[in-house]
C-alpha atoms as a PDB file:
ATOM      1  CA  UNK A   1       9.886  18.270 -10.402  1.00  0.00           C
ATOM      2  CA  UNK A   2       7.307  17.546 -13.254  1.00  0.00           C
ATOM      3  CA  UNK A   3       4.048  16.950 -11.454  1.00  0.00           C
ATOM      4  CA  UNK A   4       2.512  14.796 -14.412  1.00  0.00           C
ATOM      5  CA  UNK A   5       5.449  12.698 -14.391  1.00  0.00           C
ATOM      6  CA  UNK A   6       5.394   9.346 -12.881  1.00  0.00           C
ATOM      7  CA  UNK A   7       7.835   6.417 -13.061  1.00  0.00           C
ATOM      8  CA  UNK A   8       6.469   2.765 -13.221  1.00  0.00           C
ATOM      9  CA  UNK A   9       8.200   0.069 -12.265  1.00  0.00           C
ATOM     10  CA  UNK A  10       8.296  -3.811 -11.293  1.00  0.00           C
ATOM     11  CA  UNK A  11      11.266  -4.638  -9.293  1.00  0.00           C
ATOM     12  CA  UNK A  12      12.374  -7.436  -6.332  1.00  0.00           C
ATOM     13  CA  UNK A  13      13.764  -5.631  -3.049  1.00  0.00           C
ATOM     14  CA  UNK A  14      17.027  -5.409  -4.894  1.00  0.00           C
ATOM     15  CA  UNK A  15      16.159  -3.603  -7.783  1.00  0.00           C
ATOM     16  CA  UNK A  16      16.544  -6.098 -10.309  1.00  0.00           C
ATOM     17  CA  UNK A  17      14.142  -5.219 -13.269  1.00  0.00           C
ATOM     18  CA  UNK A  18      15.066  -7.394 -16.171  1.00  0.00           C
ATOM     19  CA  UNK A  19      17.194 -10.723 -17.555  1.00  0.00           C
ATOM     20  CA  UNK A  20      17.758 -10.742 -21.329  1.00  0.00           C
ATOM     21  CA  UNK A  21      15.664  -7.953 -22.453  1.00  0.00           C
ATOM     22  CA  UNK A  22      12.424  -8.997 -20.556  1.00  0.00           C
ATOM     23  CA  UNK A  23      10.657  -9.283 -17.580  1.00  0.00           C
ATOM     24  CA  UNK A  24      11.961 -12.264 -15.268  1.00  0.00           C
ATOM     25  CA  UNK A  25       8.723 -13.128 -13.708  1.00  0.00           C
ATOM     26  CA  UNK A  26       4.870 -13.481 -14.702  1.00  0.00           C
ATOM     27  CA  UNK A  27       2.278 -11.472 -12.782  1.00  0.00           C
ATOM     28  CA  UNK A  28      -0.590 -10.901 -15.069  1.00  0.00           C
ATOM     29  CA  UNK A  29      -2.264  -8.583 -12.109  1.00  0.00           C
ATOM     30  CA  UNK A  30       1.058  -6.304 -12.165  1.00  0.00           C
ATOM     31  CA  UNK A  31       0.372  -6.274 -16.092  1.00  0.00           C
ATOM     32  CA  UNK A  32      -3.140  -5.187 -15.279  1.00  0.00           C
ATOM     33  CA  UNK A  33      -2.454  -2.746 -13.008  1.00  0.00           C
ATOM     34  CA  UNK A  34       0.189  -0.952 -15.532  1.00  0.00           C
ATOM     35  CA  UNK A  35      -2.454  -0.886 -18.208  1.00  0.00           C
ATOM     36  CA  UNK A  36      -4.830   0.494 -15.874  1.00  0.00           C
ATOM     37  CA  UNK A  37      -2.694   3.429 -14.780  1.00  0.00           C
ATOM     38  CA  UNK A  38      -1.220   3.927 -18.179  1.00  0.00           C
ATOM     39  CA  UNK A  39      -3.972   3.559 -20.209  1.00  0.00           C
ATOM     40  CA  UNK A  40      -4.783   7.250 -21.983  1.00  0.00           C
ATOM     41  CA  UNK A  41      -1.346   8.592 -20.904  1.00  0.00           C
ATOM     42  CA  UNK A  42       1.949   9.219 -22.108  1.00  0.00           C
ATOM     43  CA  UNK A  43       4.548   6.178 -22.090  1.00  0.00           C
ATOM     44  CA  UNK A  44       8.067   7.164 -22.567  1.00  0.00           C
ATOM     45  CA  UNK A  45      10.334   4.119 -23.289  1.00  0.00           C
ATOM     46  CA  UNK A  46      13.972   3.076 -24.574  1.00  0.00           C
ATOM     47  CA  UNK A  47      14.815   0.955 -28.018  1.00  0.00           C
ATOM     48  CA  UNK A  48      15.653  -2.091 -26.113  1.00  0.00           C
ATOM     49  CA  UNK A  49      12.128  -2.022 -24.067  1.00  0.00           C
ATOM     50  CA  UNK A  50      10.405  -1.149 -26.972  1.00  0.00           C
ATOM     51  CA  UNK A  51      11.779  -3.966 -28.677  1.00  0.00           C
ATOM     52  CA  UNK A  52      11.058  -6.525 -26.015  1.00  0.00           C
ATOM     53  CA  UNK A  53       7.424  -4.668 -25.689  1.00  0.00           C
ATOM     54  CA  UNK A  54       7.295  -5.469 -29.449  1.00  0.00           C
ATOM     55  CA  UNK A  55       4.555  -3.495 -30.653  1.00  0.00           C
ATOM     56  CA  UNK A  56       3.470   0.373 -29.528  1.00  0.00           C
ATOM     57  CA  UNK A  57       0.998   0.143 -26.242  1.00  0.00           C
ATOM     58  CA  UNK A  58      -2.702   0.617 -27.503  1.00  0.00           C
ATOM     59  CA  UNK A  59      -4.301   3.589 -26.052  1.00  0.00           C
ATOM     60  CA  UNK A  60      -1.256   5.637 -25.001  1.00  0.00           C
ATOM     61  CA  UNK A  61       0.857   8.058 -27.116  1.00  0.00           C
ATOM     62  CA  UNK A  62       4.159   6.252 -26.920  1.00  0.00           C
ATOM     63  CA  UNK A  63       7.454   7.949 -27.111  1.00  0.00           C
ATOM     64  CA  UNK A  64      10.781   5.728 -27.952  1.00  0.00           C
ATOM     65  CA  UNK A  65      13.911   7.830 -26.545  1.00  0.00           C
ATOM     66  CA  UNK A  66      16.924   6.438 -29.381  1.00  0.00           C
ATOM     67  CA  UNK A  67      19.541   7.627 -31.588  1.00  0.00           C
ATOM     68  CA  UNK A  68      19.530   4.612 -33.889  1.00  0.00           C
ATOM     69  CA  UNK A  69      15.881   3.104 -34.121  1.00  0.00           C
ATOM     70  CA  UNK A  70      13.954   3.800 -37.552  1.00  0.00           C
ATOM     71  CA  UNK A  71      10.404   5.909 -36.850  1.00  0.00           C
ATOM     72  CA  UNK A  72       7.089   4.365 -37.287  1.00  0.00           C
ATOM     73  CA  UNK A  73       4.165   6.327 -38.039  1.00  0.00           C
ATOM     74  CA  UNK A  74       2.196   4.778 -34.754  1.00  0.00           C
ATOM     75  CA  UNK A  75       4.725   6.238 -32.501  1.00  0.00           C
ATOM     76  CA  UNK A  76       6.807   8.901 -31.820  1.00  0.00           C
ATOM     77  CA  UNK A  77      10.892   8.666 -31.941  1.00  0.00           C
ATOM     78  CA  UNK A  78      12.904  10.967 -29.989  1.00  0.00           C
ATOM     79  CA  UNK A  79      16.867  11.139 -29.432  1.00  0.00           C
ATOM     80  CA  UNK A  80      17.132  12.596 -25.943  1.00  0.00           C
ATOM     81  CA  UNK A  81      14.776  11.908 -22.639  1.00  0.00           C
ATOM     82  CA  UNK A  82      14.610  15.755 -22.664  1.00  0.00           C
ATOM     83  CA  UNK A  83      13.363  15.740 -26.302  1.00  0.00           C
ATOM     84  CA  UNK A  84      10.716  12.782 -24.969  1.00  0.00           C
ATOM     85  CA  UNK A  85       9.376  14.719 -22.381  1.00  0.00           C
ATOM     86  CA  UNK A  86       9.172  18.305 -24.047  1.00  0.00           C
ATOM     87  CA  UNK A  87       6.706  16.270 -26.569  1.00  0.00           C
ATOM     88  CA  UNK A  88       4.938  14.322 -23.858  1.00  0.00           C
ATOM     89  CA  UNK A  89       4.619  17.604 -22.067  1.00  0.00           C
ATOM     90  CA  UNK A  90       2.423  18.896 -25.546  1.00  0.00           C
ATOM     91  CA  UNK A  91       0.274  15.947 -25.310  1.00  0.00           C
ATOM     92  CA  UNK A  92      -1.074  17.265 -22.031  1.00  0.00           C
ATOM     93  CA  UNK A  93      -1.716  13.832 -20.319  1.00  0.00           C
ATOM     94  CA  UNK A  94       0.140  12.439 -17.173  1.00  0.00           C
ATOM     95  CA  UNK A  95       3.427  10.755 -18.370  1.00  0.00           C
ATOM     96  CA  UNK A  96       4.595   7.271 -17.153  1.00  0.00           C
ATOM     97  CA  UNK A  97       8.348   6.025 -17.491  1.00  0.00           C
ATOM     98  CA  UNK A  98       8.524   3.087 -18.193  1.00  0.00           C
ATOM     99  CA  UNK A  99      11.965   1.621 -18.908  1.00  0.00           C
ATOM    100  CA  UNK A 100      14.763   0.496 -18.968  1.00  0.00           C
ATOM    101  CA  UNK A 101      17.324   1.756 -16.908  1.00  0.00           C
ATOM    102  CA  UNK A 102      18.753   4.580 -18.477  1.00  0.00           C
ATOM    103  CA  UNK A 103      15.132   6.136 -18.859  1.00  0.00           C
ATOM    104  CA  UNK A 104      14.742   5.444 -15.461  1.00  0.00           C
ATOM    105  CA  UNK A 105      17.836   7.072 -14.581  1.00  0.00           C
ATOM    106  CA  UNK A 106      17.011  10.095 -16.255  1.00  0.00           C
ATOM    107  CA  UNK A 107      13.673  10.292 -15.158  1.00  0.00           C
ATOM    108  CA  UNK A 108      14.229   9.941 -11.377  1.00  0.00           C
ATOM    109  CA  UNK A 109      15.460  13.548 -10.592  1.00  0.00           C
ATOM    110  CA  UNK A 110      12.518  15.090 -12.204  1.00  0.00           C
ATOM    111  CA  UNK A 111       9.290  12.709 -11.462  1.00  0.00           C
ATOM    112  CA  UNK A 112       6.827  13.321  -8.807  1.00  0.00           C
ATOM    113  CA  UNK A 113       5.678  10.103  -8.496  1.00  0.00           C
ATOM    114  CA  UNK A 114       6.837   6.508  -8.124  1.00  0.00           C
ATOM    115  CA  UNK A 115       4.643   3.316  -8.925  1.00  0.00           C
ATOM    116  CA  UNK A 116       6.704   0.463  -7.815  1.00  0.00           C
ATOM    117  CA  UNK A 117       5.143  -2.999  -7.790  1.00  0.00           C
ATOM    118  CA  UNK A 118       7.711  -4.654  -5.149  1.00  0.00           C
ATOM    119  CA  UNK A 119       7.888  -8.261  -6.579  1.00  0.00           C
ATOM    120  CA  UNK A 120       8.216 -10.978  -3.985  1.00  0.00           C
ATOM    121  CA  UNK A 121      10.778 -13.847  -4.638  1.00  0.00           C
ATOM    122  CA  UNK A 122      14.130 -14.915  -5.973  1.00  0.00           C
ATOM    123  CA  UNK A 123      15.082 -14.072  -9.987  1.00  0.00           C
ATOM    124  CA  UNK A 124      17.770 -14.189 -11.983  1.00  0.00           C
ATOM    125  CA  UNK A 125      18.661 -11.425 -13.645  1.00  0.00           C
ATOM    126  CA  UNK A 126      21.209  -8.490 -15.479  1.00  0.00           C
ATOM    127  CA  UNK A 127      19.455  -5.014 -14.865  1.00  0.00           C
ATOM    128  CA  UNK A 128      18.551  -2.911 -12.093  1.00  0.00           C
ATOM    129  CA  UNK A 129      16.545  -0.129 -11.148  1.00  0.00           C
ATOM    130  CA  UNK A 130      18.949   2.637 -10.507  1.00  0.00           C
ATOM    131  CA  UNK A 131      20.253   3.930  -6.921  1.00  0.00           C
ATOM    132  CA  UNK A 132      17.703   6.405  -5.558  1.00  0.00           C
ATOM    133  CA  UNK A 133      17.145   7.882  -2.278  1.00  0.00           C
ATOM    134  CA  UNK A 134      13.804   6.091  -1.098  1.00  0.00           C
ATOM    135  CA  UNK A 135      14.245   8.875   2.102  1.00  0.00           C
ATOM    136  CA  UNK A 136      13.014  11.406  -0.523  1.00  0.00           C
ATOM    137  CA  UNK A 137       9.623   9.407  -1.300  1.00  0.00           C
ATOM    138  CA  UNK A 138       6.702   9.077   0.963  1.00  0.00           C
ATOM    139  CA  UNK A 139       4.449   6.615   0.216  1.00  0.00           C
ATOM    140  CA  UNK A 140       1.161   6.797  -0.362  1.00  0.00           C
ATOM    141  CA  UNK A 141      -0.681   3.836  -0.934  1.00  0.00           C
ATOM    142  CA  UNK A 142      -0.029   0.274  -0.741  1.00  0.00           C
ATOM    143  CA  UNK A 143      -1.964  -2.895  -2.078  1.00  0.00           C
ATOM    144  CA  UNK A 144      -0.867  -6.215  -1.608  1.00  0.00           C
ATOM    145  CA  UNK A 145      -1.329  -8.432  -4.699  1.00  0.00           C
ATOM    146  CA  UNK A 146      -0.313 -12.356  -5.267  1.00  0.00           C
ATOM    147  CA  UNK A 147       3.492 -12.348  -5.929  1.00  0.00           C
ATOM    148  CA  UNK A 148       3.956  -8.676  -5.348  1.00  0.00           C
ATOM    149  CA  UNK A 149       2.779  -5.546  -3.383  1.00  0.00           C
ATOM    150  CA  UNK A 150       2.040  -2.256  -5.141  1.00  0.00           C
ATOM    151  CA  UNK A 151       3.360   0.820  -3.455  1.00  0.00           C
ATOM    152  CA  UNK A 152       2.573   4.427  -4.835  1.00  0.00           C
ATOM    153  CA  UNK A 153       5.493   6.737  -3.645  1.00  0.00           C
ATOM    154  CA  UNK A 154       5.109  10.998  -3.835  1.00  0.00           C
ATOM    155  CA  UNK A 155       8.165  12.853  -4.048  1.00  0.00           C
ATOM    156  CA  UNK A 156       8.620  14.614  -0.191  1.00  0.00           C
ATOM    157  CA  UNK A 157       8.399  18.490  -0.484  1.00  0.00           C
ATOM    158  CA  UNK A 158      11.587  20.085  -0.717  1.00  0.00           C
ATOM    159  CA  UNK A 159      11.136  22.756   1.986  1.00  0.00           C
ATOM    160  CA  UNK A 160       9.964  19.959   4.357  1.00  0.00           C
ATOM    161  CA  UNK A 161      11.831  19.108   7.171  1.00  0.00           C
ATOM    162  CA  UNK A 162      11.954  15.690   6.357  1.00  0.00           C
ATOM    163  CA  UNK A 163      15.360  15.800   4.405  1.00  0.00           C
END
């Protein structure tokens, strides 16, 4: 487990996270929360997520995982998640995995913290957060917003009796 590795995601109860390489909902408060949590830290994302954002996220180390993308001066390009994680560790800040599905899949076994904005309502989409065992996580904090509920989860200790 990586103590400073976080996953941050907005998803519906059925784990929907995207539609046609974009976010299916418009929740400005969730975007503000995302910015507040990730600012000054390192973000790791896949090429499709980077392309959907359209530019590097200001005030953060941006690491893009891709075997085909061209490099830019203001981002760091890594060919694998492991390579990206090693580079992210060298910056000495918290690391936030921000999508997409493949990045989340690679980060789930290693992350210490999950930041989930549980989006209310029904949406159409084609991309879902990977299956994961919610019993391995313990709710740490919760806050209700208009249109979503933000919940921070910490990974349970492997040695605890709650397995």
